[in-house]
């Protein structure tokens, strides 16, 4: 939904989320819990939360709030 008004931001944040998930998976594969934290942090704070913001911005624009 967020790609209708902000396609470049949605793609960039989606890529950051994907990168975070890859790093998380590599950390999970090692078997040490501390190695998962960087991927979780990147995926959440640089990918997922901005994607939610982009989606909310698009939704607000569609219903005419701005």
N, C-alpha and C. Protein backbone atom coordinates (compact mmCIF):
# COMPACT_ATOMS: atom_id res chain seq x y z
N UNK A 1 0.82 -1.18 0.00
CA UNK A 1 0.00 0.00 0.00
C UNK A 1 0.87 1.26 0.00
N UNK A 2 1.98 1.22 0.66
CA UNK A 2 2.82 2.39 0.76
C UNK A 2 3.50 2.76 -0.54
N UNK A 3 3.55 1.84 -1.47
CA UNK A 3 4.25 2.14 -2.71
C UNK A 3 3.43 3.00 -3.66
N UNK A 4 2.19 3.29 -3.35
CA UNK A 4 1.39 4.10 -4.25
C UNK A 4 1.79 5.57 -4.20
N UNK A 5 2.20 6.08 -3.05
CA UNK A 5 2.61 7.48 -2.93
C UNK A 5 4.11 7.65 -2.77
N UNK A 6 4.76 6.67 -2.20
CA UNK A 6 6.19 6.77 -1.90
C UNK A 6 6.92 5.51 -2.38
N UNK A 7 6.99 5.29 -3.69
CA UNK A 7 7.55 4.02 -4.18
C UNK A 7 9.04 3.85 -3.88
N UNK A 8 9.82 4.92 -3.94
CA UNK A 8 11.26 4.77 -3.71
C UNK A 8 11.54 4.50 -2.24
N UNK A 9 10.82 5.20 -1.35
CA UNK A 9 10.99 4.95 0.08
C UNK A 9 10.55 3.53 0.43
N UNK A 10 9.43 3.10 -0.13
CA UNK A 10 8.93 1.75 0.16
C UNK A 10 9.93 0.70 -0.30
N UNK A 11 10.52 0.90 -1.47
CA UNK A 11 11.51 -0.06 -1.97
C UNK A 11 12.77 -0.06 -1.10
N UNK A 12 13.23 1.12 -0.70
CA UNK A 12 14.44 1.21 0.13
C UNK A 12 14.21 0.58 1.50
N UNK A 13 13.08 0.87 2.12
CA UNK A 13 12.80 0.30 3.44
C UNK A 13 12.54 -1.20 3.34
N UNK A 14 11.94 -1.64 2.24
CA UNK A 14 11.76 -3.07 2.02
C UNK A 14 13.10 -3.77 1.86
N UNK A 15 14.03 -3.13 1.17
CA UNK A 15 15.38 -3.69 1.06
C UNK A 15 16.10 -3.74 2.39
N UNK A 16 15.91 -2.71 3.21
CA UNK A 16 16.52 -2.72 4.55
C UNK A 16 15.93 -3.83 5.41
N UNK A 17 14.62 -4.05 5.27
CA UNK A 17 13.98 -5.13 6.02
C UNK A 17 14.53 -6.48 5.57
N UNK A 18 14.66 -6.66 4.26
CA UNK A 18 15.21 -7.90 3.72
C UNK A 18 16.64 -8.12 4.19
N UNK A 19 17.45 -7.07 4.15
CA UNK A 19 18.83 -7.18 4.63
C UNK A 19 18.86 -7.57 6.11
N UNK A 20 18.00 -6.95 6.91
CA UNK A 20 17.93 -7.30 8.32
C UNK A 20 17.54 -8.75 8.55
N UNK A 21 16.61 -9.24 7.74
CA UNK A 21 16.20 -10.65 7.88
C UNK A 21 17.32 -11.60 7.48
N UNK A 22 18.09 -11.23 6.46
CA UNK A 22 19.22 -12.07 6.06
C UNK A 22 20.27 -12.10 7.16
N UNK A 23 20.59 -10.95 7.73
CA UNK A 23 21.56 -10.90 8.83
C UNK A 23 21.04 -11.67 10.04
N UNK A 24 19.75 -11.55 10.33
CA UNK A 24 19.15 -12.29 11.43
C UNK A 24 19.27 -13.80 11.18
N UNK A 25 19.01 -14.22 9.95
CA UNK A 25 19.07 -15.65 9.62
C UNK A 25 20.49 -16.18 9.78
N UNK A 26 21.47 -15.41 9.35
CA UNK A 26 22.86 -15.82 9.51
C UNK A 26 23.20 -15.92 10.99
N UNK A 27 22.74 -14.96 11.79
CA UNK A 27 22.97 -15.02 13.23
C UNK A 27 22.27 -16.20 13.88
N UNK A 28 21.07 -16.53 13.41
CA UNK A 28 20.34 -17.68 13.93
C UNK A 28 21.06 -18.97 13.59
N UNK A 29 21.63 -19.00 12.40
CA UNK A 29 22.33 -20.18 11.93
C UNK A 29 23.57 -20.48 12.77
N UNK A 30 24.20 -19.43 13.32
CA UNK A 30 25.40 -19.64 14.14
C UNK A 30 25.06 -20.28 15.48
N UNK A 31 23.84 -20.11 15.95
CA UNK A 31 23.43 -20.71 17.21
C UNK A 31 23.66 -19.84 18.42
N UNK A 32 24.16 -18.64 18.24
CA UNK A 32 24.40 -17.74 19.37
C UNK A 32 23.38 -16.61 19.31
N UNK A 33 22.69 -16.43 20.41
CA UNK A 33 21.58 -15.48 20.44
C UNK A 33 22.03 -14.04 20.19
N UNK A 34 23.21 -13.68 20.65
CA UNK A 34 23.68 -12.30 20.47
C UNK A 34 23.94 -11.95 19.02
N UNK A 35 24.18 -12.93 18.18
CA UNK A 35 24.44 -12.67 16.77
C UNK A 35 23.15 -12.34 16.01
N UNK A 36 22.00 -12.60 16.61
CA UNK A 36 20.73 -12.28 15.97
C UNK A 36 20.32 -10.83 16.16
N UNK A 37 20.83 -10.17 17.16
CA UNK A 37 20.40 -8.82 17.50
C UNK A 37 20.63 -7.78 16.40
N UNK A 38 21.79 -7.76 15.73
CA UNK A 38 21.96 -6.74 14.68
C UNK A 38 20.92 -6.86 13.57
N UNK A 39 20.64 -8.08 13.14
CA UNK A 39 19.64 -8.27 12.10
C UNK A 39 18.25 -7.89 12.55
N UNK A 40 17.95 -8.20 13.79
CA UNK A 40 16.64 -7.81 14.33
C UNK A 40 16.51 -6.30 14.42
N UNK A 41 17.57 -5.63 14.85
CA UNK A 41 17.57 -4.17 14.96
C UNK A 41 17.42 -3.52 13.59
N UNK A 42 18.21 -3.97 12.63
CA UNK A 42 18.14 -3.39 11.28
C UNK A 42 16.78 -3.63 10.66
N UNK A 43 16.28 -4.85 10.77
CA UNK A 43 14.99 -5.18 10.18
C UNK A 43 13.84 -4.41 10.78
N UNK A 44 13.89 -4.18 12.07
CA UNK A 44 12.79 -3.50 12.75
C UNK A 44 12.87 -1.98 12.59
N UNK A 45 14.01 -1.41 12.93
CA UNK A 45 14.09 0.05 13.00
C UNK A 45 14.42 0.73 11.67
N UNK A 46 15.02 0.00 10.74
CA UNK A 46 15.32 0.59 9.44
C UNK A 46 14.45 0.02 8.33
N UNK A 47 13.64 -0.99 8.64
CA UNK A 47 12.80 -1.60 7.63
C UNK A 47 11.33 -1.60 7.98
N UNK A 48 10.97 -2.30 9.02
CA UNK A 48 9.56 -2.51 9.33
C UNK A 48 8.85 -1.25 9.81
N UNK A 49 9.41 -0.55 10.77
CA UNK A 49 8.75 0.65 11.28
C UNK A 49 8.63 1.75 10.22
N UNK A 50 9.67 2.01 9.42
CA UNK A 50 9.47 2.99 8.34
C UNK A 50 8.45 2.54 7.31
N UNK A 51 8.36 1.24 7.04
CA UNK A 51 7.34 0.75 6.11
C UNK A 51 5.94 0.99 6.65
N UNK A 52 5.77 0.83 7.94
CA UNK A 52 4.46 1.14 8.54
C UNK A 52 4.16 2.62 8.40
N UNK A 53 5.16 3.47 8.61
CA UNK A 53 4.97 4.90 8.44
C UNK A 53 4.61 5.28 7.02
N UNK A 54 5.26 4.66 6.05
CA UNK A 54 4.96 4.92 4.64
C UNK A 54 3.54 4.46 4.32
N UNK A 55 3.15 3.32 4.83
CA UNK A 55 1.79 2.82 4.59
C UNK A 55 0.75 3.74 5.23
N UNK A 56 1.02 4.21 6.44
CA UNK A 56 0.08 5.14 7.08
C UNK A 56 0.00 6.45 6.33
N UNK A 57 1.11 6.94 5.83
CA UNK A 57 1.11 8.16 5.04
C UNK A 57 0.30 7.99 3.77
N UNK A 58 0.46 6.87 3.12
CA UNK A 58 -0.31 6.61 1.90
C UNK A 58 -1.79 6.49 2.20
N UNK A 59 -2.12 5.80 3.28
CA UNK A 59 -3.53 5.64 3.66
C UNK A 59 -4.15 6.99 3.99
N UNK A 60 -3.43 7.82 4.72
CA UNK A 60 -3.94 9.15 5.07
C UNK A 60 -4.14 10.00 3.82
N UNK A 61 -3.24 9.86 2.86
CA UNK A 61 -3.40 10.60 1.61
C UNK A 61 -4.59 10.11 0.80
N UNK A 62 -4.85 8.82 0.84
CA UNK A 62 -5.97 8.26 0.08
C UNK A 62 -7.33 8.68 0.64
N UNK A 63 -7.39 8.84 1.95
CA UNK A 63 -8.68 9.24 2.53
C UNK A 63 -8.80 10.75 2.66
N UNK A 64 -7.77 11.47 2.22
CA UNK A 64 -7.86 12.91 2.14
C UNK A 64 -7.42 13.68 3.37
N UNK A 65 -6.67 13.04 4.25
CA UNK A 65 -6.19 13.76 5.43
C UNK A 65 -5.07 14.71 5.06
N UNK A 66 -4.28 14.39 4.01
CA UNK A 66 -3.26 15.30 3.47
C UNK A 66 -2.90 14.89 2.09
